[in-house]
C-alpha atoms as a PDB file:
ATOM      1  CA  UNK A   1     116.892  79.386 149.390  1.00  0.00           C
ATOM      2  CA  UNK A   2     117.320  76.892 146.635  1.00  0.00           C
ATOM      3  CA  UNK A   3     114.517  74.752 147.949  1.00  0.00           C
ATOM      4  CA  UNK A   4     112.224  77.759 148.265  1.00  0.00           C
ATOM      5  CA  UNK A   5     112.806  78.704 144.700  1.00  0.00           C
ATOM      6  CA  UNK A   6     112.697  75.111 143.472  1.00  0.00           C
ATOM      7  CA  UNK A   7     109.354  74.138 144.783  1.00  0.00           C
ATOM      8  CA  UNK A   8     107.640  77.241 143.344  1.00  0.00           C
ATOM      9  CA  UNK A   9     109.327  76.881 139.899  1.00  0.00           C
ATOM     10  CA  UNK A  10     108.488  73.084 139.909  1.00  0.00           C
ATOM     11  CA  UNK A  11     104.827  73.693 140.660  1.00  0.00           C
ATOM     12  CA  UNK A  12     104.648  76.278 137.924  1.00  0.00           C
ATOM     13  CA  UNK A  13     106.613  74.141 135.392  1.00  0.00           C
ATOM     14  CA  UNK A  14     104.429  71.091 136.076  1.00  0.00           C
ATOM     15  CA  UNK A  15     101.185  72.995 135.334  1.00  0.00           C
ATOM     16  CA  UNK A  16     102.742  74.579 132.164  1.00  0.00           C
ATOM     17  CA  UNK A  17     103.998  71.273 130.873  1.00  0.00           C
ATOM     18  CA  UNK A  18     100.683  69.407 131.696  1.00  0.00           C
ATOM     19  CA  UNK A  19      98.676  72.096 129.806  1.00  0.00           C
ATOM     20  CA  UNK A  20     101.106  72.016 126.911  1.00  0.00           C
ATOM     21  CA  UNK A  21     101.008  68.279 126.576  1.00  0.00           C
ATOM     22  CA  UNK A  22      97.137  68.209 126.661  1.00  0.00           C
ATOM     23  CA  UNK A  23      97.072  70.854 123.931  1.00  0.00           C
ATOM     24  CA  UNK A  24      99.623  68.841 121.851  1.00  0.00           C
ATOM     25  CA  UNK A  25      97.679  65.557 122.387  1.00  0.00           C
ATOM     26  CA  UNK A  26      94.647  67.311 121.068  1.00  0.00           C
ATOM     27  CA  UNK A  27      96.385  68.621 117.938  1.00  0.00           C
ATOM     28  CA  UNK A  28      98.581  65.717 117.078  1.00  0.00           C
ATOM     29  CA  UNK A  29      96.382  62.847 118.361  1.00  0.00           C
ATOM     30  CA  UNK A  30      99.649  61.161 119.596  1.00  0.00           C
ATOM     31  CA  UNK A  31      98.249  59.629 122.871  1.00  0.00           C
ATOM     32  CA  UNK A  32     101.344  57.477 123.452  1.00  0.00           C
ATOM     33  CA  UNK A  33     103.931  60.265 123.526  1.00  0.00           C
ATOM     34  CA  UNK A  34     101.982  63.220 124.974  1.00  0.00           C
ATOM     35  CA  UNK A  35     100.080  60.954 127.197  1.00  0.00           C
ATOM     36  CA  UNK A  36     103.413  59.890 128.610  1.00  0.00           C
ATOM     37  CA  UNK A  37     104.240  63.515 129.364  1.00  0.00           C
ATOM     38  CA  UNK A  38     101.033  64.035 131.213  1.00  0.00           C
ATOM     39  CA  UNK A  39     101.708  60.886 133.344  1.00  0.00           C
ATOM     40  CA  UNK A  40     105.097  62.521 134.676  1.00  0.00           C
ATOM     41  CA  UNK A  41     103.431  65.801 135.835  1.00  0.00           C
ATOM     42  CA  UNK A  42      99.649  65.685 136.176  1.00  0.00           C
ATOM     43  CA  UNK A  43      99.399  62.951 138.963  1.00  0.00           C
ATOM     44  CA  UNK A  44     101.748  65.130 141.224  1.00  0.00           C
ATOM     45  CA  UNK A  45      99.469  68.257 140.640  1.00  0.00           C
ATOM     46  CA  UNK A  46      96.430  66.145 141.398  1.00  0.00           C
ATOM     47  CA  UNK A  47      97.925  64.904 144.712  1.00  0.00           C
ATOM     48  CA  UNK A  48      99.070  68.484 145.872  1.00  0.00           C
ATOM     49  CA  UNK A  49      95.698  69.934 144.734  1.00  0.00           C
ATOM     50  CA  UNK A  50      93.759  67.367 146.853  1.00  0.00           C
ATOM     51  CA  UNK A  51      95.944  67.962 149.766  1.00  0.00           C
ATOM     52  CA  UNK A  52      95.469  71.808 149.478  1.00  0.00           C
ATOM     53  CA  UNK A  53      91.757  71.785 148.822  1.00  0.00           C
ATOM     54  CA  UNK A  54      90.614  69.330 151.423  1.00  0.00           C
ATOM     55  CA  UNK A  55      93.401  69.773 154.061  1.00  0.00           C
ATOM     56  CA  UNK A  56      92.414  66.568 155.736  1.00  0.00           C
ATOM     57  CA  UNK A  57      95.709  64.608 155.366  1.00  0.00           C
ATOM     58  CA  UNK A  58      98.478  65.172 157.927  1.00  0.00           C
ATOM     59  CA  UNK A  59     100.805  62.526 156.465  1.00  0.00           C
ATOM     60  CA  UNK A  60     101.620  60.760 153.163  1.00  0.00           C
ATOM     61  CA  UNK A  61     104.165  58.323 152.088  1.00  0.00           C
ATOM     62  CA  UNK A  62     107.690  59.566 152.073  1.00  0.00           C
ATOM     63  CA  UNK A  63     108.338  59.329 148.322  1.00  0.00           C
ATOM     64  CA  UNK A  64     105.001  58.569 146.723  1.00  0.00           C
ATOM     65  CA  UNK A  65     106.165  55.521 144.945  1.00  0.00           C
ATOM     66  CA  UNK A  66     103.060  55.273 142.805  1.00  0.00           C
ATOM     67  CA  UNK A  67     103.916  58.727 141.332  1.00  0.00           C
ATOM     68  CA  UNK A  68     107.504  57.434 140.477  1.00  0.00           C
ATOM     69  CA  UNK A  69     106.084  54.361 138.718  1.00  0.00           C
ATOM     70  CA  UNK A  70     103.666  56.464 136.759  1.00  0.00           C
ATOM     71  CA  UNK A  71     106.557  58.843 135.894  1.00  0.00           C
ATOM     72  CA  UNK A  72     108.677  55.994 134.661  1.00  0.00           C
ATOM     73  CA  UNK A  73     105.801  54.709 132.674  1.00  0.00           C
ATOM     74  CA  UNK A  74     105.447  58.164 131.122  1.00  0.00           C
ATOM     75  CA  UNK A  75     109.043  58.422 130.160  1.00  0.00           C
ATOM     76  CA  UNK A  76     108.800  54.933 128.516  1.00  0.00           C
ATOM     77  CA  UNK A  77     105.639  55.756 126.660  1.00  0.00           C
ATOM     78  CA  UNK A  78     107.166  59.138 125.367  1.00  0.00           C
ATOM     79  CA  UNK A  79     110.414  57.409 124.439  1.00  0.00           C
ATOM     80  CA  UNK A  80     108.473  54.682 122.502  1.00  0.00           C
ATOM     81  CA  UNK A  81     106.420  57.295 120.690  1.00  0.00           C
ATOM     82  CA  UNK A  82     109.470  59.088 119.637  1.00  0.00           C
ATOM     83  CA  UNK A  83     111.123  55.824 118.264  1.00  0.00           C
ATOM     84  CA  UNK A  84     107.827  55.409 116.223  1.00  0.00           C
ATOM     85  CA  UNK A  85     108.338  58.807 114.650  1.00  0.00           C
ATOM     86  CA  UNK A  86     106.632  60.843 117.338  1.00  0.00           C
ATOM     87  CA  UNK A  87     107.718  64.042 118.974  1.00  0.00           C
ATOM     88  CA  UNK A  88     111.337  64.375 120.402  1.00  0.00           C
ATOM     89  CA  UNK A  89     110.063  67.315 122.524  1.00  0.00           C
ATOM     90  CA  UNK A  90     107.515  65.027 124.204  1.00  0.00           C
ATOM     91  CA  UNK A  91     110.356  62.579 125.251  1.00  0.00           C
ATOM     92  CA  UNK A  92     112.398  65.427 126.502  1.00  0.00           C
ATOM     93  CA  UNK A  93     109.513  66.947 128.623  1.00  0.00           C
ATOM     94  CA  UNK A  94     108.591  63.555 130.140  1.00  0.00           C
ATOM     95  CA  UNK A  95     112.130  62.971 131.111  1.00  0.00           C
ATOM     96  CA  UNK A  96     112.306  66.444 132.673  1.00  0.00           C
ATOM     97  CA  UNK A  97     108.953  65.856 134.549  1.00  0.00           C
ATOM     98  CA  UNK A  98     110.238  62.626 136.031  1.00  0.00           C
ATOM     99  CA  UNK A  99     113.634  64.184 137.096  1.00  0.00           C
ATOM    100  CA  UNK A 100     112.052  67.120 138.539  1.00  0.00           C
ATOM    101  CA  UNK A 101     109.722  64.928 140.635  1.00  0.00           C
ATOM    102  CA  UNK A 102     112.641  62.801 141.876  1.00  0.00           C
ATOM    103  CA  UNK A 103     114.407  66.018 142.987  1.00  0.00           C
ATOM    104  CA  UNK A 104     111.202  67.030 144.850  1.00  0.00           C
ATOM    105  CA  UNK A 105     110.737  63.619 146.539  1.00  0.00           C
ATOM    106  CA  UNK A 106     114.361  62.917 147.459  1.00  0.00           C
ATOM    107  CA  UNK A 107     115.813  66.478 148.028  1.00  0.00           C
ATOM    108  CA  UNK A 108     113.157  69.036 148.720  1.00  0.00           C
ATOM    109  CA  UNK A 109     110.792  66.947 150.922  1.00  0.00           C
ATOM    110  CA  UNK A 110     113.460  65.948 153.467  1.00  0.00           C
ATOM    111  CA  UNK A 111     115.084  67.687 156.262  1.00  0.00           C
ATOM    112  CA  UNK A 112     118.226  65.444 156.496  1.00  0.00           C
ATOM    113  CA  UNK A 113     117.789  63.855 159.866  1.00  0.00           C
ATOM    114  CA  UNK A 114     117.260  66.981 161.804  1.00  0.00           C
ATOM    115  CA  UNK A 115     118.137  66.990 165.421  1.00  0.00           C
ATOM    116  CA  UNK A 116     117.768  69.933 167.818  1.00  0.00           C
ATOM    117  CA  UNK A 117     120.024  69.708 170.981  1.00  0.00           C
ATOM    118  CA  UNK A 118     117.775  72.419 172.674  1.00  0.00           C
ATOM    119  CA  UNK A 119     114.919  70.060 173.005  1.00  0.00           C
ATOM    120  CA  UNK A 120     116.497  66.881 174.208  1.00  0.00           C
ATOM    121  CA  UNK A 121     114.143  64.374 175.818  1.00  0.00           C
ATOM    122  CA  UNK A 122     114.566  64.670 179.611  1.00  0.00           C
ATOM    123  CA  UNK A 123     115.618  68.214 179.635  1.00  0.00           C
ATOM    124  CA  UNK A 124     113.246  71.161 180.624  1.00  0.00           C
ATOM    125  CA  UNK A 125     111.846  73.059 177.769  1.00  0.00           C
ATOM    126  CA  UNK A 126     113.883  76.295 177.268  1.00  0.00           C
ATOM    127  CA  UNK A 127     111.942  79.460 177.987  1.00  0.00           C
ATOM    128  CA  UNK A 128     110.627  81.753 175.281  1.00  0.00           C
ATOM    129  CA  UNK A 129     107.794  84.267 174.787  1.00  0.00           C
ATOM    130  CA  UNK A 130     104.801  84.169 172.497  1.00  0.00           C
ATOM    131  CA  UNK A 131     101.698  86.103 171.773  1.00  0.00           C
ATOM    132  CA  UNK A 132      98.070  85.034 172.407  1.00  0.00           C
ATOM    133  CA  UNK A 133      95.182  85.872 170.221  1.00  0.00           C
ATOM    134  CA  UNK A 134      94.445  89.033 172.061  1.00  0.00           C
ATOM    135  CA  UNK A 135      97.946  90.205 171.425  1.00  0.00           C
ATOM    136  CA  UNK A 136      99.248  89.798 175.048  1.00  0.00           C
ATOM    137  CA  UNK A 137     102.663  88.243 175.749  1.00  0.00           C
ATOM    138  CA  UNK A 138     102.642  84.656 177.017  1.00  0.00           C
ATOM    139  CA  UNK A 139     105.706  82.942 178.573  1.00  0.00           C
ATOM    140  CA  UNK A 140     106.394  79.304 177.937  1.00  0.00           C
ATOM    141  CA  UNK A 141     106.833  78.838 181.620  1.00  0.00           C
ATOM    142  CA  UNK A 142     103.235  79.839 182.239  1.00  0.00           C
ATOM    143  CA  UNK A 143     102.019  76.911 179.987  1.00  0.00           C
ATOM    144  CA  UNK A 144     103.996  74.309 181.828  1.00  0.00           C
ATOM    145  CA  UNK A 145     101.732  73.940 184.789  1.00  0.00           C
ATOM    146  CA  UNK A 146      99.945  71.090 183.105  1.00  0.00           C
ATOM    147  CA  UNK A 147     100.973  68.357 180.636  1.00  0.00           C
ATOM    148  CA  UNK A 148     101.253  70.228 177.293  1.00  0.00           C
ATOM    149  CA  UNK A 149     101.325  69.230 173.658  1.00  0.00           C
ATOM    150  CA  UNK A 150     103.309  71.827 171.792  1.00  0.00           C
ATOM    151  CA  UNK A 151     102.834  71.859 168.052  1.00  0.00           C
ATOM    152  CA  UNK A 152     105.065  74.151 165.901  1.00  0.00           C
ATOM    153  CA  UNK A 153     103.472  74.448 162.505  1.00  0.00           C
ATOM    154  CA  UNK A 154     104.377  76.517 159.480  1.00  0.00           C
ATOM    155  CA  UNK A 155     101.178  78.463 158.983  1.00  0.00           C
ATOM    156  CA  UNK A 156      97.579  78.444 157.590  1.00  0.00           C
ATOM    157  CA  UNK A 157      99.064  78.181 154.065  1.00  0.00           C
ATOM    158  CA  UNK A 158     100.342  74.532 154.939  1.00  0.00           C
ATOM    159  CA  UNK A 159      97.754  71.950 154.212  1.00  0.00           C
ATOM    160  CA  UNK A 160      99.373  69.274 156.113  1.00  0.00           C
ATOM    161  CA  UNK A 161      99.797  71.568 159.181  1.00  0.00           C
ATOM    162  CA  UNK A 162      95.939  72.342 158.940  1.00  0.00           C
ATOM    163  CA  UNK A 163      95.159  68.665 158.857  1.00  0.00           C
ATOM    164  CA  UNK A 164      97.506  68.014 161.904  1.00  0.00           C
ATOM    165  CA  UNK A 165      95.557  70.684 163.781  1.00  0.00           C
ATOM    166  CA  UNK A 166      92.183  69.175 162.695  1.00  0.00           C
ATOM    167  CA  UNK A 167      93.280  65.884 164.185  1.00  0.00           C
ATOM    168  CA  UNK A 168      93.998  67.602 167.589  1.00  0.00           C
ATOM    169  CA  UNK A 169      90.779  69.435 167.483  1.00  0.00           C
ATOM    170  CA  UNK A 170      88.870  66.094 167.054  1.00  0.00           C
ATOM    171  CA  UNK A 171      90.602  64.965 170.254  1.00  0.00           C
ATOM    172  CA  UNK A 172      89.559  68.132 172.115  1.00  0.00           C
ATOM    173  CA  UNK A 173      87.134  66.739 174.559  1.00  0.00           C
ATOM    174  CA  UNK A 174      89.356  63.847 175.468  1.00  0.00           C
ATOM    175  CA  UNK A 175      92.321  66.118 175.996  1.00  0.00           C
ATOM    176  CA  UNK A 176      90.329  68.467 178.099  1.00  0.00           C
ATOM    177  CA  UNK A 177      89.000  65.726 180.308  1.00  0.00           C
ATOM    178  CA  UNK A 178      92.489  64.591 181.018  1.00  0.00           C
ATOM    179  CA  UNK A 179      93.789  68.103 181.756  1.00  0.00           C
ATOM    180  CA  UNK A 180      96.211  68.170 178.795  1.00  0.00           C
ATOM    181  CA  UNK A 181      96.979  71.633 177.401  1.00  0.00           C
ATOM    182  CA  UNK A 182      97.528  72.051 173.681  1.00  0.00           C
ATOM    183  CA  UNK A 183      99.595  75.036 172.308  1.00  0.00           C
ATOM    184  CA  UNK A 184      99.592  75.638 168.633  1.00  0.00           C
ATOM    185  CA  UNK A 185     102.414  77.872 167.555  1.00  0.00           C
ATOM    186  CA  UNK A 186     103.171  79.484 164.289  1.00  0.00           C
ATOM    187  CA  UNK A 187     105.546  82.385 163.160  1.00  0.00           C
ATOM    188  CA  UNK A 188     102.710  83.552 160.732  1.00  0.00           C
ATOM    189  CA  UNK A 189     101.235  87.132 160.949  1.00  0.00           C
ATOM    190  CA  UNK A 190      99.137  87.374 164.199  1.00  0.00           C
ATOM    191  CA  UNK A 191      95.806  88.065 162.391  1.00  0.00           C
ATOM    192  CA  UNK A 192      96.205  84.688 160.689  1.00  0.00           C
ATOM    193  CA  UNK A 193      96.564  82.931 163.892  1.00  0.00           C
ATOM    194  CA  UNK A 194      93.529  84.751 165.415  1.00  0.00           C
ATOM    195  CA  UNK A 195      91.593  83.734 162.247  1.00  0.00           C
ATOM    196  CA  UNK A 196      92.565  80.059 162.843  1.00  0.00           C
ATOM    197  CA  UNK A 197      91.532  80.248 166.443  1.00  0.00           C
ATOM    198  CA  UNK A 198      88.116  81.735 165.420  1.00  0.00           C
ATOM    199  CA  UNK A 199      87.658  78.952 162.849  1.00  0.00           C
ATOM    200  CA  UNK A 200      88.173  76.087 165.162  1.00  0.00           C
ATOM    201  CA  UNK A 201      86.676  77.650 168.396  1.00  0.00           C
ATOM    202  CA  UNK A 202      88.184  75.284 170.943  1.00  0.00           C
ATOM    203  CA  UNK A 203      90.048  76.204 174.191  1.00  0.00           C
ATOM    204  CA  UNK A 204      93.421  75.404 172.735  1.00  0.00           C
ATOM    205  CA  UNK A 205      96.269  78.039 173.005  1.00  0.00           C
ATOM    206  CA  UNK A 206      96.642  79.579 169.421  1.00  0.00           C
ATOM    207  CA  UNK A 207      99.839  81.404 169.785  1.00  0.00           C
ATOM    208  CA  UNK A 208     101.965  83.622 167.441  1.00  0.00           C
ATOM    209  CA  UNK A 209     105.825  83.279 167.552  1.00  0.00           C
ATOM    210  CA  UNK A 210     106.745  86.862 166.483  1.00  0.00           C
ATOM    211  CA  UNK A 211     109.943  86.949 164.335  1.00  0.00           C
ATOM    212  CA  UNK A 212     110.360  83.193 164.865  1.00  0.00           C
ATOM    213  CA  UNK A 213     112.158  83.916 168.144  1.00  0.00           C
ATOM    214  CA  UNK A 214     110.843  80.878 169.953  1.00  0.00           C
ATOM    215  CA  UNK A 215     111.751  78.645 167.059  1.00  0.00           C
ATOM    216  CA  UNK A 216     115.316  79.981 167.020  1.00  0.00           C
ATOM    217  CA  UNK A 217     115.605  79.447 170.802  1.00  0.00           C
ATOM    218  CA  UNK A 218     114.460  75.681 170.224  1.00  0.00           C
ATOM    219  CA  UNK A 219     116.538  75.216 167.127  1.00  0.00           C
ATOM    220  CA  UNK A 220     113.678  74.514 164.885  1.00  0.00           C
ATOM    221  CA  UNK A 221     113.665  77.669 162.692  1.00  0.00           C
ATOM    222  CA  UNK A 222     113.637  77.281 158.966  1.00  0.00           C
ATOM    223  CA  UNK A 223     115.256  80.157 157.024  1.00  0.00           C
ATOM    224  CA  UNK A 224     113.700  80.541 153.535  1.00  0.00           C
ATOM    225  CA  UNK A 225     111.266  77.706 154.444  1.00  0.00           C
ATOM    226  CA  UNK A 226     108.306  79.489 152.714  1.00  0.00           C
ATOM    227  CA  UNK A 227     107.978  78.589 149.044  1.00  0.00           C
ATOM    228  CA  UNK A 228     109.094  81.568 146.896  1.00  0.00           C
ATOM    229  CA  UNK A 229     106.300  83.866 145.951  1.00  0.00           C
ATOM    230  CA  UNK A 230     104.031  83.252 149.006  1.00  0.00           C
ATOM    231  CA  UNK A 231     105.457  86.336 150.490  1.00  0.00           C
ATOM    232  CA  UNK A 232     102.844  88.271 148.632  1.00  0.00           C
ATOM    233  CA  UNK A 233     100.280  86.712 150.947  1.00  0.00           C
ATOM    234  CA  UNK A 234     101.844  88.215 154.054  1.00  0.00           C
ATOM    235  CA  UNK A 235     104.034  85.422 155.281  1.00  0.00           C
ATOM    236  CA  UNK A 236     107.694  85.843 156.107  1.00  0.00           C
ATOM    237  CA  UNK A 237     110.372  83.871 154.234  1.00  0.00           C
ATOM    238  CA  UNK A 238     111.646  82.242 157.488  1.00  0.00           C
ATOM    239  CA  UNK A 239     109.238  79.685 159.010  1.00  0.00           C
ATOM    240  CA  UNK A 240     109.406  76.784 161.315  1.00  0.00           C
ATOM    241  CA  UNK A 241     110.337  73.133 160.822  1.00  0.00           C
ATOM    242  CA  UNK A 242     107.127  71.087 161.752  1.00  0.00           C
ATOM    243  CA  UNK A 243     107.809  69.918 165.397  1.00  0.00           C
ATOM    244  CA  UNK A 244     105.710  68.441 168.265  1.00  0.00           C
ATOM    245  CA  UNK A 245     106.893  68.455 171.799  1.00  0.00           C
ATOM    246  CA  UNK A 246     105.228  66.944 174.783  1.00  0.00           C
ATOM    247  CA  UNK A 247     106.094  68.137 178.378  1.00  0.00           C
ATOM    248  CA  UNK A 248     104.905  67.153 181.800  1.00  0.00           C
ATOM    249  CA  UNK A 249     103.676  69.191 184.633  1.00  0.00           C
ATOM    250  CA  UNK A 250     106.778  71.372 185.253  1.00  0.00           C
ATOM    251  CA  UNK A 251     108.022  71.561 181.646  1.00  0.00           C
ATOM    252  CA  UNK A 252     110.269  68.454 181.338  1.00  0.00           C
ATOM    253  CA  UNK A 253     110.319  67.178 177.779  1.00  0.00           C
ATOM    254  CA  UNK A 254     108.856  63.653 177.589  1.00  0.00           C
ATOM    255  CA  UNK A 255     108.876  63.232 173.830  1.00  0.00           C
ATOM    256  CA  UNK A 256     109.509  65.115 170.639  1.00  0.00           C
ATOM    257  CA  UNK A 257     108.927  64.537 166.956  1.00  0.00           C
ATOM    258  CA  UNK A 258     111.104  66.208 164.497  1.00  0.00           C
ATOM    259  CA  UNK A 259     109.990  64.927 161.208  1.00  0.00           C
ATOM    260  CA  UNK A 260     112.554  64.581 158.483  1.00  0.00           C
ATOM    261  CA  UNK A 261     109.921  64.879 155.746  1.00  0.00           C
ATOM    262  CA  UNK A 262     107.372  67.724 155.779  1.00  0.00           C
ATOM    263  CA  UNK A 263     104.602  65.447 154.618  1.00  0.00           C
ATOM    264  CA  UNK A 264     104.889  63.117 157.486  1.00  0.00           C
ATOM    265  CA  UNK A 265     103.429  64.080 160.954  1.00  0.00           C
ATOM    266  CA  UNK A 266     102.773  62.042 163.962  1.00  0.00           C
ATOM    267  CA  UNK A 267      99.628  59.820 164.224  1.00  0.00           C
ATOM    268  CA  UNK A 268      97.105  61.551 166.518  1.00  0.00           C
ATOM    269  CA  UNK A 269      97.001  58.477 168.680  1.00  0.00           C
ATOM    270  CA  UNK A 270     100.533  59.001 169.620  1.00  0.00           C
ATOM    271  CA  UNK A 271     100.098  62.010 171.932  1.00  0.00           C
ATOM    272  CA  UNK A 272      97.960  60.280 174.515  1.00  0.00           C
ATOM    273  CA  UNK A 273      99.913  57.111 174.207  1.00  0.00           C
ATOM    274  CA  UNK A 274     103.123  59.005 175.179  1.00  0.00           C
ATOM    275  CA  UNK A 275     101.392  60.728 178.088  1.00  0.00           C
ATOM    276  CA  UNK A 276     100.043  57.402 179.474  1.00  0.00           C
ATOM    277  CA  UNK A 277     103.364  55.841 178.978  1.00  0.00           C
ATOM    278  CA  UNK A 278     104.911  58.201 181.268  1.00  0.00           C
ATOM    279  CA  UNK A 279     102.011  57.970 183.700  1.00  0.00           C
ATOM    280  CA  UNK A 280     101.068  61.725 183.225  1.00  0.00           C
ATOM    281  CA  UNK A 281      97.567  60.895 182.470  1.00  0.00           C
ATOM    282  CA  UNK A 282      95.390  57.828 183.242  1.00  0.00           C
END
């Protein structure tokens, strides 16, 4: 719950501080102090905005070290400006901007070495039920007659999830030729899943996990995982931790990826490499 509140509050505060700093810079002309404030908040907004608009990046660095360096430089500049008779508020806002980013990078972004015992490699995938784009129930067992890549994603609102799906869509013909099934699963409202299936128009299984039941069976549910305020778009507060599972014919788990940072997803080449390593495909 704290993370859900924090990320929404941080985004809003970063926008307000950036706008305020730009205004003060124009009024006072103090480029050093107020420019320092902008360095602690604006670069993060640019990166997040780029991810959300283009939705082509499924992974970033874990901490964005360049943003940390810019933030430290911003605090140093604002502090120097204050010692030269500039604004104390600028120094305080710059420090707040850097601290908030560090909290985001080191606390919010991580999942603390998550590990679900329900999806241990070598075990058979537990059974659960999903809904296809026509609204019909689909059992997990019915999808294990071929090698399958199971991708549990948070929803259409998540830019990294969308980029991850784009990467799989780019491999569509190769996966189809090898007889590999792809199941894309989200607890989002069913109409959002149907919309996504129509957008990509490939023969993947676009599935809805109603009430996050499958995620709970697999131990990958994320209570309050949705950023606070996005409920107004129709999403539930509980979502799923980004997870990829690969099973063989019969449903035995060959590999899983439980990212411990929501901005890091598997490289697209990994899926076929795993299947070839286990001699599931040629």
